[in-house]
Amino acid sequence: SCFARPESGVGMETMFSLGCKLWSGAGEPFRYRFQAHVSGAFTDLCELRYMNEYETQLPGSNDRTRLRGVIIDAFGVRAYGDFHATVAPAQNFNADEGLRALGERG
């Protein structure tokens, strides 16, 4: 299962911990990537990594933000864990600038 902690916060202010846990199988070690659904498509928040948690800020929206954990085993088999966080818009926030900042930190 995948999760966001906290489950709600303010865009580009709250630090979220995104993670996936309880994955096991013959294809270990697993690699992880976390994505956010922005403008109709999932966008990578980080590079593929062996750590199953990632800390980041998220762009705000007027709805729940769709998130996805991508789990890839040693054989290249992919699994997906979809989850949500409620992220309120920050005051005076420009979404394009926020996404650019997230991409620079990736």
C-alpha atoms as a PDB file:
ATOM      1  CA  SER A   1       0.000   0.000   0.000  1.00  0.00           C
ATOM      2  CA  CYS A   2       1.084   3.576  -0.626  1.00  0.00           C
ATOM      3  CA  PHE A   3       0.444   6.647   1.507  1.00  0.00           C
ATOM      4  CA  ALA A   4       0.935  10.379   2.031  1.00  0.00           C
ATOM      5  CA  ARG A   5       1.739  11.768   5.493  1.00  0.00           C
ATOM      6  CA  PRO A   6       0.202  14.050   6.462  1.00  0.00           C
ATOM      7  CA  GLU A   7      -2.964  13.324   4.489  1.00  0.00           C
ATOM      8  CA  SER A   8      -3.625  17.047   4.005  1.00  0.00           C
ATOM      9  CA  GLY A   9      -1.681  20.283   3.894  1.00  0.00           C
ATOM     10  CA  VAL A  10      -0.992  23.501   1.969  1.00  0.00           C
ATOM     11  CA  GLY A  11       0.579  23.525  -1.489  1.00  0.00           C
ATOM     12  CA  MET A  12       4.297  24.297  -1.588  1.00  0.00           C
ATOM     13  CA  GLU A  13       4.314  24.847   2.187  1.00  0.00           C
ATOM     14  CA  THR A  14       3.617  21.465   3.801  1.00  0.00           C
ATOM     15  CA  MET A  15       6.317  18.807   3.608  1.00  0.00           C
ATOM     16  CA  PHE A  16       4.717  15.482   2.645  1.00  0.00           C
ATOM     17  CA  SER A  17       6.227  12.051   3.096  1.00  0.00           C
ATOM     18  CA  LEU A  18       5.137   9.794   0.239  1.00  0.00           C
ATOM     19  CA  GLY A  19       5.764   6.096   0.673  1.00  0.00           C
ATOM     20  CA  CYS A  20       4.928   2.529  -0.255  1.00  0.00           C
ATOM     21  CA  LYS A  21       5.226  -0.347   2.193  1.00  0.00           C
ATOM     22  CA  LEU A  22       4.493  -4.063   2.540  1.00  0.00           C
ATOM     23  CA  TRP A  23       5.820  -4.959  -0.907  1.00  0.00           C
ATOM     24  CA  SER A  24       7.669  -8.279  -0.974  1.00  0.00           C
ATOM     25  CA  GLY A  25       8.486 -11.065  -3.397  1.00  0.00           C
ATOM     26  CA  ALA A  26      11.163 -12.891  -5.344  1.00  0.00           C
ATOM     27  CA  GLY A  27      12.027  -9.750  -7.340  1.00  0.00           C
ATOM     28  CA  GLU A  28      13.640  -7.838  -4.485  1.00  0.00           C
ATOM     29  CA  PRO A  29      15.246  -5.340  -4.200  1.00  0.00           C
ATOM     30  CA  PHE A  30      12.487  -3.003  -5.316  1.00  0.00           C
ATOM     31  CA  ARG A  31      12.950   0.453  -6.756  1.00  0.00           C
ATOM     32  CA  TYR A  32      10.400   3.228  -6.270  1.00  0.00           C
ATOM     33  CA  ARG A  33       9.267   6.366  -8.067  1.00  0.00           C
ATOM     34  CA  PHE A  34       6.567   8.780  -6.910  1.00  0.00           C
ATOM     35  CA  GLN A  35       4.289  10.736  -9.227  1.00  0.00           C
ATOM     36  CA  ALA A  36       1.567  13.399  -9.009  1.00  0.00           C
ATOM     37  CA  HIS A  37      -1.333  13.757 -11.456  1.00  0.00           C
ATOM     38  CA  VAL A  38      -1.003  17.231 -12.963  1.00  0.00           C
ATOM     39  CA  SER A  39      -2.747  18.651 -16.047  1.00  0.00           C
ATOM     40  CA  GLY A  40      -4.214  15.290 -17.059  1.00  0.00           C
ATOM     41  CA  ALA A  41      -1.085  13.128 -16.711  1.00  0.00           C
ATOM     42  CA  PHE A  42       1.163  11.639 -14.035  1.00  0.00           C
ATOM     43  CA  THR A  43       4.412  13.602 -13.579  1.00  0.00           C
ATOM     44  CA  ASP A  44       7.507  12.204 -11.858  1.00  0.00           C
ATOM     45  CA  LEU A  45       8.318  13.826  -8.519  1.00  0.00           C
ATOM     46  CA  CYS A  46      11.618  11.959  -8.129  1.00  0.00           C
ATOM     47  CA  GLU A  47      14.033   9.693  -9.932  1.00  0.00           C
ATOM     48  CA  LEU A  48      13.835   5.912  -9.549  1.00  0.00           C
ATOM     49  CA  ARG A  49      15.257   5.051  -6.119  1.00  0.00           C
ATOM     50  CA  TYR A  50      15.741   2.137  -3.717  1.00  0.00           C
ATOM     51  CA  MET A  51      14.225   4.052  -0.792  1.00  0.00           C
ATOM     52  CA  ASN A  52      10.485   3.443  -0.358  1.00  0.00           C
ATOM     53  CA  GLU A  53       9.734   6.949   0.989  1.00  0.00           C
ATOM     54  CA  TYR A  54      10.211  10.390  -0.495  1.00  0.00           C
ATOM     55  CA  GLU A  55       9.731  13.799   1.131  1.00  0.00           C
ATOM     56  CA  THR A  56       8.467  16.664  -0.997  1.00  0.00           C
ATOM     57  CA  GLN A  57       6.112  19.588  -1.234  1.00  0.00           C
ATOM     58  CA  LEU A  58       3.129  19.298  -3.566  1.00  0.00           C
ATOM     59  CA  PRO A  59       1.377  21.881  -5.728  1.00  0.00           C
ATOM     60  CA  GLY A  60      -1.964  22.966  -4.299  1.00  0.00           C
ATOM     61  CA  SER A  61      -5.319  22.326  -5.916  1.00  0.00           C
ATOM     62  CA  ASN A  62      -8.963  22.770  -5.066  1.00  0.00           C
ATOM     63  CA  ASP A  63      -9.417  19.008  -4.831  1.00  0.00           C
ATOM     64  CA  ARG A  64      -7.576  15.913  -3.690  1.00  0.00           C
ATOM     65  CA  THR A  65      -4.257  15.459  -5.456  1.00  0.00           C
ATOM     66  CA  ARG A  66      -3.904  12.086  -7.150  1.00  0.00           C
ATOM     67  CA  LEU A  67      -0.571  10.452  -6.355  1.00  0.00           C
ATOM     68  CA  ARG A  68       1.048   7.237  -7.538  1.00  0.00           C
ATOM     69  CA  GLY A  69       3.835   5.024  -6.296  1.00  0.00           C
ATOM     70  CA  VAL A  70       5.574   3.056  -9.060  1.00  0.00           C
ATOM     71  CA  ILE A  71       7.248  -0.081  -7.744  1.00  0.00           C
ATOM     72  CA  ILE A  72       9.684  -1.942 -10.019  1.00  0.00           C
ATOM     73  CA  ASP A  73      11.234  -5.274  -9.064  1.00  0.00           C
ATOM     74  CA  ALA A  74      14.671  -6.649 -10.015  1.00  0.00           C
ATOM     75  CA  PHE A  75      13.158  -8.250 -13.144  1.00  0.00           C
ATOM     76  CA  GLY A  76      11.643  -4.968 -14.366  1.00  0.00           C
ATOM     77  CA  VAL A  77       8.048  -5.893 -13.479  1.00  0.00           C
ATOM     78  CA  ARG A  78       6.033  -2.787 -12.513  1.00  0.00           C
ATOM     79  CA  ALA A  79       3.255  -2.376  -9.981  1.00  0.00           C
ATOM     80  CA  TYR A  80       1.347   0.792  -9.131  1.00  0.00           C
ATOM     81  CA  GLY A  81      -0.100   2.069  -5.877  1.00  0.00           C
ATOM     82  CA  ASP A  82      -2.535   4.950  -6.302  1.00  0.00           C
ATOM     83  CA  PHE A  83      -3.321   7.218  -3.345  1.00  0.00           C
ATOM     84  CA  HIS A  84      -4.384  10.805  -2.550  1.00  0.00           C
ATOM     85  CA  ALA A  85      -3.523  13.847  -0.465  1.00  0.00           C
ATOM     86  CA  THR A  86      -5.681  16.896   0.073  1.00  0.00           C
ATOM     87  CA  VAL A  87      -3.522  19.890  -0.817  1.00  0.00           C
ATOM     88  CA  ALA A  88      -5.036  23.347  -0.406  1.00  0.00           C
ATOM     89  CA  PRO A  89      -3.761  26.119  -2.676  1.00  0.00           C
ATOM     90  CA  ALA A  90      -1.157  28.395  -1.138  1.00  0.00           C
ATOM     91  CA  GLN A  91      -1.775  32.130  -1.174  1.00  0.00           C
ATOM     92  CA  ASN A  92      -0.121  33.868  -4.162  1.00  0.00           C
ATOM     93  CA  PHE A  93       1.180  30.598  -5.619  1.00  0.00           C
ATOM     94  CA  ASN A  94       1.993  30.141  -9.309  1.00  0.00           C
ATOM     95  CA  ALA A  95       1.481  26.459 -10.293  1.00  0.00           C
ATOM     96  CA  ASP A  96       3.940  26.605 -13.223  1.00  0.00           C
ATOM     97  CA  GLU A  97       6.698  27.926 -10.957  1.00  0.00           C
ATOM     98  CA  GLY A  98       5.917  25.242  -8.364  1.00  0.00           C
ATOM     99  CA  LEU A  99       6.120  22.415 -10.892  1.00  0.00           C
ATOM    100  CA  ARG A 100       9.373  23.824 -12.234  1.00  0.00           C
ATOM    101  CA  ALA A 101      10.789  23.882  -8.684  1.00  0.00           C
ATOM    102  CA  LEU A 102       9.719  20.274  -8.106  1.00  0.00           C
ATOM    103  CA  GLY A 103      11.415  19.214 -11.343  1.00  0.00           C
ATOM    104  CA  GLU A 104      14.656  20.947 -10.371  1.00  0.00           C
ATOM    105  CA  ARG A 105      14.760  19.066  -7.064  1.00  0.00           C
ATOM    106  CA  GLY A 106      13.802  15.662  -8.609  1.00  0.00           C
END
